Protein backbone atom coordinates (compact mmCIF):
# COMPACT_ATOMS: atom_id res chain seq x y z
CA MET A 1 114.00 78.70 88.20
CA GLU A 2 115.95 77.76 85.05
CA GLN A 3 116.34 74.06 84.31
CA ARG A 4 120.03 73.81 85.08
CA ILE A 5 122.57 72.47 87.60
CA SER A 6 125.69 74.58 88.13
CA ILE A 7 127.57 72.76 90.88
CA VAL A 8 127.43 69.34 92.51
CA THR A 9 129.07 69.42 96.01
CA LEU A 10 130.22 66.13 97.52
CA GLY A 11 130.57 66.15 101.26
CA VAL A 12 133.80 64.27 102.11
CA ALA A 13 135.36 62.91 105.31
CA GLU A 14 138.95 63.74 104.36
CA LEU A 15 139.54 66.44 101.71
CA GLY A 16 143.06 65.32 100.83
CA ARG A 17 142.04 61.70 100.34
CA ALA A 18 139.05 62.70 98.23
CA ARG A 19 141.12 65.05 96.08
CA THR A 20 143.77 62.40 95.55
CA PHE A 21 141.08 59.92 94.45
CA TYR A 22 139.63 62.25 91.80
CA GLU A 23 143.05 63.30 90.58
CA ARG A 24 143.86 59.58 90.12
CA LEU A 25 140.84 59.42 87.84
CA GLY A 26 142.58 62.09 85.73
CA TRP A 27 140.68 65.13 87.03
CA ARG A 28 142.49 68.40 87.79
CA GLY A 29 141.18 70.60 90.55
CA GLN A 30 141.88 73.86 92.31
CA GLU A 31 141.81 74.19 96.06
CA ILE A 32 140.89 77.39 97.89
CA GLU A 33 139.83 77.73 101.52
CA GLN A 34 139.72 73.91 102.11
CA THR A 35 137.45 73.42 99.09
CA VAL A 36 138.44 71.68 95.86
CA PHE A 37 136.78 72.75 92.60
CA PHE A 38 136.80 70.60 89.42
CA GLN A 39 135.49 72.05 86.14
CA THR A 40 133.49 69.20 84.56
CA GLY A 41 132.10 70.44 81.30
CA GLY A 42 129.41 72.99 81.89
CA ILE A 43 129.21 72.36 85.67
CA ALA A 44 131.58 72.08 88.55
CA VAL A 45 132.08 69.22 91.05
CA VAL A 46 133.16 70.48 94.43
CA LEU A 47 134.72 68.55 97.33
CA TRP A 48 134.07 70.04 100.77
CA ALA A 49 134.05 68.63 104.31
CA ARG A 50 130.75 66.85 105.14
CA ASP A 51 130.24 68.85 108.35
CA LYS A 52 130.72 72.10 106.51
CA VAL A 53 128.30 71.13 103.75
CA ALA A 54 125.66 70.16 106.36
CA ALA A 55 126.18 73.38 108.38
CA ASP A 56 126.05 75.53 105.24
CA ALA A 57 122.75 73.87 104.17
CA GLY A 58 121.25 74.01 107.65
CA VAL A 59 120.78 70.24 107.98
CA GLN A 60 121.96 67.53 110.34
CA ASP A 61 124.58 65.18 108.94
CA PRO A 62 123.52 61.59 109.76
CA GLY A 63 126.98 60.44 108.77
CA GLY A 64 127.26 57.18 106.93
CA ASP A 65 128.62 56.00 103.64
CA GLY A 66 127.70 58.93 101.42
CA PHE A 67 124.79 57.23 99.67
CA GLY A 68 121.81 59.45 99.94
CA GLY A 69 119.75 58.13 97.06
CA ILE A 70 121.83 60.00 94.47
CA CYS A 71 123.98 58.48 91.75
CA LEU A 72 126.33 60.56 89.64
CA ALA A 73 126.69 59.41 86.05
CA HIS A 74 129.55 59.66 83.59
CA ASN A 75 128.30 58.71 80.09
CA VAL A 76 130.80 57.59 77.49
CA ARG A 77 130.84 56.87 73.78
CA ASP A 78 131.33 53.12 73.78
CA ARG A 79 131.48 49.93 75.86
CA ALA A 80 135.30 49.74 75.90
CA GLU A 81 135.43 53.14 77.55
CA VAL A 82 133.16 51.90 80.34
CA ASP A 83 135.58 49.03 81.06
CA ALA A 84 138.62 51.36 80.87
CA ILE A 85 137.17 53.89 83.31
CA MET A 86 136.01 51.18 85.74
CA ALA A 87 139.61 49.90 85.77
CA VAL A 88 141.04 53.41 86.33
CA ALA A 89 138.57 53.94 89.15
CA ALA A 90 139.56 50.67 90.79
CA GLY A 91 143.21 51.67 90.53
CA ALA A 92 142.37 55.05 92.09
CA GLY A 93 140.80 53.32 95.13
CA ALA A 94 137.16 53.06 94.16
CA THR A 95 135.00 50.15 95.25
CA ALA A 96 133.10 48.47 92.40
CA THR A 97 129.47 48.21 93.50
CA LYS A 98 128.29 46.57 90.28
CA ALA A 99 130.54 45.24 87.59
CA ALA A 100 130.05 46.56 84.08
CA GLN A 101 127.31 44.61 82.26
CA GLU A 102 124.49 44.82 79.76
CA THR A 103 121.64 47.07 80.89
CA PHE A 104 117.88 46.84 80.56
CA TYR A 105 117.91 49.80 78.13
CA GLY A 106 120.33 48.18 75.63
CA GLY A 107 123.44 49.87 76.97
CA TYR A 108 126.39 48.79 79.10
CA ALA A 109 127.18 50.23 82.54
CA GLY A 110 129.11 49.67 85.77
CA PHE A 111 128.97 51.36 89.17
CA PHE A 112 131.64 52.29 91.72
CA ALA A 113 131.78 54.18 95.00
CA ASP A 114 134.42 56.76 95.76
CA PRO A 115 136.24 56.69 99.14
CA ASP A 116 133.32 58.58 100.77
CA GLY A 117 130.70 56.26 99.37
CA HIS A 118 129.42 58.58 96.66
CA VAL A 119 128.11 56.31 93.89
CA TRP A 120 129.09 56.79 90.25
CA GLU A 121 127.68 55.11 87.19
CA VAL A 122 129.89 54.78 84.10
CA ALA A 123 127.55 54.14 81.17
CA HIS A 124 127.32 53.76 77.46
CA ASN A 125 123.76 54.42 76.41
CA PRO A 126 123.29 54.11 72.65
CA GLY A 127 120.09 56.17 72.89
CA PHE A 128 121.91 59.25 74.22
CA THR A 129 124.16 61.47 72.08
CA LEU A 130 127.35 62.94 73.44
CA ALA A 131 128.47 66.19 71.87
CA GLU A 132 132.12 66.64 70.92
CA ASP A 133 132.71 68.39 74.31
CA GLY A 134 131.20 65.43 76.15
CA SER A 135 127.91 67.14 77.01
CA LEU A 136 124.85 64.92 77.03
CA ILE A 137 122.02 65.52 74.55
CA LEU A 138 118.83 63.77 75.53
CA PRO A 139 116.63 62.35 72.78
CA ASP A 140 113.09 63.56 72.28
CA PHE A 141 111.29 60.95 74.34
CA SER A 142 107.91 61.95 72.88
CA ARG A 143 108.93 60.61 69.44
CA PRO A 144 108.72 56.85 68.78
CA ALA A 145 112.05 55.03 68.56
CA ASP A 146 113.20 53.98 65.11
């Protein structure tokens, strides 16, 4: 298996509500067959009904708030962008789960939950490089820091 993720599918309670939320963040999606697709750099984020995601995967949906031990992250180029995105998310209907603050790794990050409880981190990590297209380039962790 190649080391790659192509699509992240978020199971949602109400497709229209979820799509509106992400569009208020500034995202633009396409809907086909009650599924919304967002191109997000080199991968896609898909919104689909929770029950349909569970049935498709052959699992039982325990319901709940959407937190399943997964946190989606949106890395940005500076601290001010973290604050700006957290404000946009709040205006779109997100619930702040942790206000933006200094992190243990020398960065700055905040967390919010979308209307279905999917948790997002908005982070500036000075140790990570963002390419011009926004893609993340991890450092070589085997090399000592400068």
